Amino acid sequence: MTSKVDLRSDTVTQPTEGMRAAMARAPLGDDVFGDDPSVNALQEKIAAMLGFEAALFVPTGTQSNLCAILAHCQRGDEYIVGQMQHCYRWEGGGAAVLGSVQPQPLNHQADGTLALADIESAVKPDDPHFARSRLLALENTLGGKLLPMAYIEQATDLARRQGLARHLDGARLFNAAVAQAAFLGTEARAEARRIAGCFDSVSVCFSKGLGAPVGSALCGSVEFIARARRIRKMAGGAMRQAGGLAAAASYALDHHIARLADDHALATRLADGLAGLDGLQVEAPQTNILFVDLVGSARDRSEALLRHLASEGIQATGLYRMRFVTHLDVDAAGVDRAIAAIRGFFKD
């Protein structure tokens, strides 16, 4: 039977054999008591890698962002965020529902950034009529797009001057760092640290491109992480013998950062293979996420295309746009199968 090619997300990866071995031999403790050595080692590793004092291992990126927002903000405060950022649009409104923290969403520019003028004008006066502006949240990558480093520096400097804390949803931070390093001819870990250095807190996901089965880390100051730890407990995210999961994340940091470049190359290969198809508009990928839009007479055929792909063993999503995501469980042969299946659909 022909295997499936799963391009729905980079969250679908399976642990590699090396990762499974690391999980099996991980020393365990009770992380609620703070004595799981594998969790502690992971937290120290990711904090040091990104230049922070401390880190907190959490089950999901959603919980990591929630802990960050609620650790930065109090009830009645506000965070400024983009309309399409995950911590606003795709996380169930958690900050508002669970923390009474109001989001102030802004429209994105074409490159995924928030206009500096829009950020500045969104900051509320110190007046009882308004929620208190406390935090700027950015995301890198955003829909696979890399936020320019110069922009990150300008936006976070503006936030600092306005008295706002600065949080980065870096679920795919290492995808951004690998792409940035390739462009600059530098080293990915150094670029990840440089990006992170602009923020007071950073969330990093291990279960996307890095290929771990579960988990994210929230990085910040010792005091900030202490607040976040209390929120993690309230949100049900404190785990006991979590060292096996932490070991998978630690293995991913050691072995799976540089290889993200392979995923980026495969996304480009897929885009190139679909170029020129009548009825399909391809947005050139910057990292591992490819968006395509059905246009013209094909505009209403997205569901039919998804069904056709499924019949060919190709899995994709079309929640709001057609999206294909490459990852460590997709190879060049799988991408070529996807290209052939899509071209076959448009040929019929």
Protein backbone atom coordinates (compact mmCIF):
# COMPACT_ATOMS: atom_id res chain seq x y z
CA MET A 1 0.00 0.00 0.00
CA THR A 2 1.35 3.43 -0.92
CA SER A 3 2.10 5.54 2.13
CA LYS A 4 0.33 8.83 2.66
CA VAL A 5 2.02 12.17 2.18
CA ASP A 6 0.80 14.33 5.05
CA LEU A 7 1.17 18.03 4.25
CA ARG A 8 -1.46 19.28 6.71
CA SER A 9 1.00 20.60 9.26
CA ASP A 10 4.47 20.11 10.72
CA THR A 11 2.71 18.98 13.92
CA VAL A 12 2.06 15.52 12.45
CA THR A 13 5.66 14.30 12.65
CA GLN A 14 6.58 11.04 14.35
CA PRO A 15 9.58 10.82 16.71
CA THR A 16 12.73 9.58 14.99
CA GLU A 17 14.47 6.46 16.25
CA GLY A 18 17.13 8.58 17.91
CA MET A 19 14.48 10.66 19.64
CA ARG A 20 12.63 7.54 20.84
CA ALA A 21 15.86 6.21 22.30
CA ALA A 22 16.49 9.49 24.11
CA MET A 23 12.98 9.40 25.52
CA ALA A 24 13.38 5.81 26.72
CA ARG A 25 16.58 6.49 28.64
CA ALA A 26 15.60 9.87 30.11
CA PRO A 27 15.98 10.14 33.89
CA LEU A 28 12.68 11.09 35.53
CA GLY A 29 11.47 12.96 38.57
CA ASP A 30 8.39 14.94 39.59
CA ASP A 31 8.32 18.26 37.77
CA VAL A 32 5.64 19.69 40.06
CA PHE A 33 8.24 19.40 42.83
CA GLY A 34 10.85 20.72 40.40
CA ASP A 35 13.02 17.63 40.52
CA ASP A 36 12.64 16.05 37.09
CA PRO A 37 16.25 16.22 35.85
CA SER A 38 15.31 15.95 32.16
CA VAL A 39 12.80 18.80 32.40
CA ASN A 40 15.27 20.94 34.33
CA ALA A 41 17.99 20.25 31.78
CA LEU A 42 15.69 21.21 28.88
CA GLN A 43 14.63 24.43 30.59
CA GLU A 44 18.24 25.39 31.26
CA LYS A 45 19.22 24.51 27.67
CA ILE A 46 16.56 26.54 25.89
CA ALA A 47 16.94 29.52 28.25
CA ALA A 48 20.70 29.61 27.70
CA MET A 49 20.32 29.09 23.95
CA LEU A 50 18.02 32.10 23.61
CA GLY A 51 19.72 34.31 26.20
CA PHE A 52 17.18 34.25 29.02
CA GLU A 53 17.49 33.65 32.75
CA ALA A 54 14.87 30.92 32.95
CA ALA A 55 12.37 28.81 31.03
CA LEU A 56 9.24 26.78 31.70
CA PHE A 57 8.28 23.54 29.93
CA VAL A 58 4.57 23.43 29.08
CA PRO A 59 2.40 20.93 27.20
CA THR A 60 1.36 23.18 24.30
CA GLY A 61 2.16 26.40 22.51
CA THR A 62 -1.35 27.65 23.28
CA GLN A 63 -0.69 27.27 26.98
CA SER A 64 2.71 28.86 26.63
CA ASN A 65 1.20 31.98 25.05
CA LEU A 66 -1.58 32.03 27.64
CA CYS A 67 0.93 31.85 30.50
CA ALA A 68 2.96 34.63 28.88
CA ILE A 69 0.05 37.02 28.37
CA LEU A 70 -1.35 36.46 31.86
CA ALA A 71 2.11 36.79 33.44
CA HIS A 72 2.61 40.14 31.68
CA CYS A 73 -0.94 41.48 32.12
CA GLN A 74 -3.58 41.80 34.83
CA ARG A 75 -7.38 41.82 34.58
CA GLY A 76 -8.46 44.87 32.63
CA ASP A 77 -5.16 45.16 30.79
CA GLU A 78 -4.77 44.93 27.02
CA TYR A 79 -2.32 43.34 24.61
CA ILE A 80 -1.69 44.62 21.09
CA VAL A 81 -1.57 41.82 18.52
CA GLY A 82 -2.07 41.08 14.82
CA GLN A 83 -5.37 39.86 13.42
CA MET A 84 -3.81 36.64 12.11
CA GLN A 85 -1.50 35.86 15.01
CA HIS A 86 -2.05 32.52 16.65
CA CYS A 87 -2.42 33.87 20.20
CA TYR A 88 -5.34 36.04 19.07
CA ARG A 89 -7.16 34.14 16.33
CA TRP A 90 -6.43 30.45 16.85
CA GLU A 91 -6.23 29.91 20.62
CA GLY A 92 -9.87 30.09 21.66
CA GLY A 93 -9.71 33.60 23.07
CA GLY A 94 -7.99 32.22 26.15
CA ALA A 95 -6.45 35.47 27.40
CA ALA A 96 -9.85 37.19 27.35
CA VAL A 97 -11.86 34.22 28.61
CA LEU A 98 -9.50 33.04 31.35
CA GLY A 99 -7.58 36.20 32.21
CA SER A 100 -9.92 39.09 31.39
CA VAL A 101 -7.11 40.53 29.26
CA GLN A 102 -8.45 42.41 26.25
CA PRO A 103 -6.83 41.92 22.85
CA GLN A 104 -6.39 44.91 20.57
CA PRO A 105 -5.99 43.28 17.13
CA LEU A 106 -4.37 45.21 14.29
CA ASN A 107 -4.38 44.50 10.57
CA HIS A 108 -1.21 43.07 9.06
CA GLN A 109 0.78 44.59 6.25
CA ALA A 110 1.40 42.44 3.17
CA ASP A 111 4.66 41.14 4.63
CA GLY A 112 3.01 40.07 7.90
CA THR A 113 4.26 43.01 9.96
CA LEU A 114 2.14 45.43 11.99
CA ALA A 115 2.63 49.03 10.90
CA LEU A 116 4.62 50.94 13.50
CA ALA A 117 2.15 53.82 13.29
CA ASP A 118 -0.72 51.42 13.98
CA ILE A 119 1.04 50.02 17.04
CA GLU A 120 1.72 53.49 18.40
CA SER A 121 -1.83 54.70 17.82
CA ALA A 122 -3.25 51.58 19.51
CA VAL A 123 -1.55 52.38 22.83
CA LYS A 124 -4.27 53.78 25.09
CA PRO A 125 -3.92 56.91 27.24
CA ASP A 126 -3.63 56.43 30.99
CA ASP A 127 -7.31 57.10 31.57
CA PRO A 128 -10.01 55.06 33.37
CA HIS A 129 -12.09 54.97 30.18
CA PHE A 130 -9.57 52.61 28.58
CA ALA A 131 -8.06 49.21 29.15
CA ARG A 132 -4.42 49.56 30.16
CA SER A 133 -2.04 48.88 27.27
CA ARG A 134 0.57 46.51 28.67
CA LEU A 135 1.98 44.21 25.99
CA LEU A 136 2.94 43.95 22.34
CA ALA A 137 2.79 40.41 20.97
CA LEU A 138 4.47 39.49 17.67
CA GLU A 139 4.81 36.14 15.89
CA ASN A 140 7.79 34.85 13.88
CA THR A 141 7.33 33.11 11.54
CA LEU A 142 3.77 34.23 10.74
CA GLY A 143 2.11 31.94 8.24
CA GLY A 144 5.58 30.87 7.22
CA LYS A 145 6.71 34.47 6.62
CA LEU A 146 9.87 35.75 8.23
CA LEU A 147 9.55 39.05 10.09
CA PRO A 148 12.49 41.23 8.99
CA MET A 149 15.06 41.69 11.75
CA ALA A 150 15.14 45.46 11.27
CA TYR A 151 11.37 45.56 11.75
CA ILE A 152 11.54 43.45 14.91
CA GLU A 153 14.10 45.85 16.37
CA GLN A 154 12.00 48.89 15.46
CA ALA A 155 8.71 47.46 16.73
CA THR A 156 10.10 46.20 20.04
CA ASP A 157 11.98 49.46 20.60
CA LEU A 158 8.73 51.36 20.02
CA ALA A 159 6.98 49.08 22.51
CA ARG A 160 9.69 49.64 25.10
CA ARG A 161 9.45 53.42 24.69
CA GLN A 162 5.68 53.17 25.11
CA GLY A 163 6.08 51.21 28.34
CA LEU A 164 4.87 47.92 26.86
CA ALA A 165 6.28 44.49 27.60
CA ARG A 166 7.23 42.48 24.50
CA HIS A 167 6.30 38.86 23.83
CA LEU A 168 7.22 36.71 20.84
CA ASP A 169 5.14 33.75 19.80
CA GLY A 170 8.11 31.91 18.35
CA ALA A 171 6.34 28.62 17.71
CA ARG A 172 8.46 28.38 14.57
CA LEU A 173 11.30 30.60 15.80
CA PHE A 174 13.94 28.17 14.55
CA ASN A 175 12.40 28.14 11.07
CA ALA A 176 12.76 31.91 11.13
CA ALA A 177 16.33 31.66 12.41
CA VAL A 178 17.36 29.11 9.78
CA ALA A 179 15.90 31.25 6.99
CA GLN A 180 17.50 34.40 8.38
CA ALA A 181 20.86 32.70 8.78
CA ALA A 182 20.73 31.41 5.20
CA PHE A 183 20.07 34.93 3.95
CA LEU A 184 22.82 36.53 6.06
CA GLY A 185 25.38 33.73 5.86
CA THR A 186 25.39 33.33 9.65
CA GLU A 187 24.52 30.54 12.09
CA ALA A 188 20.92 29.64 12.93
CA ARG A 189 21.34 29.42 16.70
CA ALA A 190 22.95 32.84 16.77
CA GLU A 191 20.06 34.27 14.76
CA ALA A 192 17.50 32.66 17.08
CA ARG A 193 19.24 34.31 20.04
CA ARG A 194 19.40 37.66 18.22
CA ILE A 195 15.67 37.58 17.48
CA ALA A 196 14.83 36.50 21.02
CA GLY A 197 16.99 39.26 22.48
CA CYS A 198 14.46 41.87 21.36
CA PHE A 199 11.74 40.45 23.63
CA ASP A 200 10.94 40.11 27.34
CA SER A 201 9.50 36.65 26.76
CA VAL A 202 9.57 34.08 23.98
CA SER A 203 7.50 30.94 23.41
CA VAL A 204 9.11 28.13 21.38
CA CYS A 205 7.27 25.04 20.13
CA PHE A 206 9.05 21.68 19.97
CA SER A 207 6.23 19.73 18.30
CA LYS A 208 6.20 21.55 14.96
CA GLY A 209 9.22 21.60 12.66
CA LEU A 210 11.56 20.39 15.38
CA GLY A 211 9.66 17.10 15.40
CA ALA A 212 9.08 16.36 19.09
CA PRO A 213 5.74 14.74 19.96
CA VAL A 214 4.66 17.27 22.60
CA GLY A 215 5.65 20.49 24.26
CA SER A 216 6.70 24.13 24.19
CA ALA A 217 8.91 26.30 26.35
CA LEU A 218 8.31 29.80 27.64
CA CYS A 219 11.47 31.83 28.28
CA GLY A 220 11.93 34.99 30.34
CA SER A 221 13.32 36.42 33.55
CA VAL A 222 13.32 34.46 36.79
CA GLU A 223 10.51 36.61 38.16
CA PHE A 224 8.45 36.32 34.99
CA ILE A 225 8.79 32.53 34.85
CA ALA A 226 7.75 32.29 38.52
CA ARG A 227 4.51 34.07 37.64
CA ALA A 228 4.05 31.90 34.57
CA ARG A 229 4.57 28.75 36.64
CA ARG A 230 1.61 29.65 38.86
CA ILE A 231 -0.54 30.23 35.78
CA ARG A 232 0.57 26.91 34.28
CA LYS A 233 -0.61 25.20 37.48
CA MET A 234 -4.00 26.94 37.34
CA ALA A 235 -4.37 26.01 33.67
CA GLY A 236 -3.69 22.34 34.40
CA GLY A 237 -0.35 22.25 32.66
CA ALA A 238 1.86 21.09 35.51
CA MET A 239 3.04 17.54 34.73
CA ARG A 240 4.68 14.90 36.89
CA GLN A 241 7.23 12.55 35.27
CA ALA A 242 7.50 14.70 32.15
CA GLY A 243 11.15 13.94 31.51
CA GLY A 244 10.49 11.63 28.59
CA LEU A 245 8.75 14.45 26.75
CA ALA A 246 11.45 16.92 27.74
CA ALA A 247 14.11 14.53 26.47
CA ALA A 248 12.42 14.48 23.06
CA ALA A 249 12.47 18.28 22.96
CA SER A 250 16.10 18.37 24.05
CA TYR A 251 17.02 15.86 21.34
CA ALA A 252 15.22 18.03 18.78
CA LEU A 253 17.27 21.07 19.82
CA ASP A 254 20.47 19.07 19.41
CA HIS A 255 19.65 17.35 16.11
CA HIS A 256 16.76 18.98 14.24
CA ILE A 257 17.50 22.71 13.91
CA ALA A 258 19.88 22.71 10.93
CA ARG A 259 17.75 20.21 9.01
CA LEU A 260 14.86 22.71 8.90
CA ALA A 261 16.62 24.03 5.79
CA ASP A 262 15.58 20.77 4.08
CA ASP A 263 11.91 21.52 4.82
CA HIS A 264 12.31 25.02 3.40
CA ALA A 265 13.87 23.62 0.23
CA LEU A 266 11.03 21.12 -0.17
CA ALA A 267 8.41 23.86 0.17
CA THR A 268 10.20 25.75 -2.60
CA ARG A 269 10.33 22.56 -4.68
CA LEU A 270 6.56 22.20 -4.28
CA ALA A 271 5.96 25.85 -5.22
CA ASP A 272 8.17 25.54 -8.30
CA GLY A 273 6.36 22.38 -9.34
CA LEU A 274 2.99 24.13 -9.20
CA ALA A 275 4.10 27.32 -10.94
CA GLY A 276 2.21 28.24 -14.08
CA LEU A 277 -0.91 26.16 -13.45
CA ASP A 278 -4.00 27.89 -14.78
CA GLY A 279 -6.41 28.40 -11.87
CA LEU A 280 -3.77 28.22 -9.15
CA GLN A 281 -2.00 31.19 -7.60
CA VAL A 282 1.12 30.19 -5.68
CA GLU A 283 2.63 32.37 -2.96
CA ALA A 284 6.39 31.84 -2.90
CA PRO A 285 7.31 30.27 0.48
CA GLN A 286 9.96 31.75 2.73
CA THR A 287 10.18 28.75 5.06
CA ASN A 288 8.21 25.50 5.22
CA ILE A 289 4.64 26.70 4.63
CA LEU A 290 3.18 27.10 1.15
CA PHE A 291 -0.14 28.84 0.53
CA VAL A 292 -1.96 28.51 -2.77
CA ASP A 293 -5.23 30.09 -3.86
CA LEU A 294 -7.67 28.80 -6.45
CA VAL A 295 -8.55 31.65 -8.77
CA GLY A 296 -10.71 32.34 -11.79
CA SER A 297 -12.96 29.47 -12.87
CA ALA A 298 -11.27 27.20 -10.28
CA ARG A 299 -12.14 29.47 -7.33
CA ASP A 300 -14.91 27.20 -5.98
CA ARG A 301 -13.08 23.90 -6.48
CA SER A 302 -10.99 23.80 -3.30
CA GLU A 303 -13.10 21.07 -1.67
CA ALA A 304 -12.95 19.02 -4.85
CA LEU A 305 -9.17 19.44 -4.94
CA LEU A 306 -8.83 18.28 -1.33
CA ARG A 307 -10.95 15.21 -2.09
CA HIS A 308 -8.86 14.46 -5.17
CA LEU A 309 -5.64 14.76 -3.16
CA ALA A 310 -7.02 12.48 -0.46
CA SER A 311 -7.84 9.86 -3.10
CA GLU A 312 -4.18 10.04 -4.18
CA GLY A 313 -2.91 9.67 -0.62
CA ILE A 314 -2.05 13.36 -0.21
CA GLN A 315 -3.33 15.14 2.91
CA ALA A 316 -3.67 18.95 3.00
CA THR A 317 -5.88 21.57 4.60
CA GLY A 318 -8.02 24.40 3.31
CA LEU A 319 -9.38 26.01 6.48
CA TYR A 320 -9.06 29.54 5.13
CA ARG A 321 -6.55 29.10 2.29
CA MET A 322 -5.06 25.99 0.72
CA ARG A 323 -1.97 25.22 2.80
CA PHE A 324 0.86 22.71 2.43
CA VAL A 325 3.48 22.29 5.16
CA THR A 326 6.73 20.37 4.74
CA HIS A 327 8.47 18.64 7.65
CA LEU A 328 10.87 15.86 8.55
CA ASP A 329 8.41 13.12 7.56
CA VAL A 330 8.05 14.47 3.99
CA ASP A 331 10.73 13.83 1.38
CA ALA A 332 11.31 14.90 -2.22
CA ALA A 333 9.42 11.89 -3.55
CA GLY A 334 6.38 12.84 -1.46
CA VAL A 335 6.51 16.42 -2.71
CA ASP A 336 6.73 15.18 -6.29
CA ARG A 337 3.68 12.98 -5.70
CA ALA A 338 1.78 16.03 -4.46
CA ILE A 339 2.84 18.02 -7.52
CA ALA A 340 1.70 15.24 -9.86
CA ALA A 341 -1.64 14.88 -8.06
CA ILE A 342 -2.38 18.61 -8.18
CA ARG A 343 -1.34 18.90 -11.81
CA GLY A 344 -3.53 15.90 -12.59
CA PHE A 345 -6.53 17.61 -10.99
CA PHE A 346 -6.12 20.74 -13.09
CA LYS A 347 -5.53 18.71 -16.26
CA ASP A 348 -8.91 16.96 -15.95
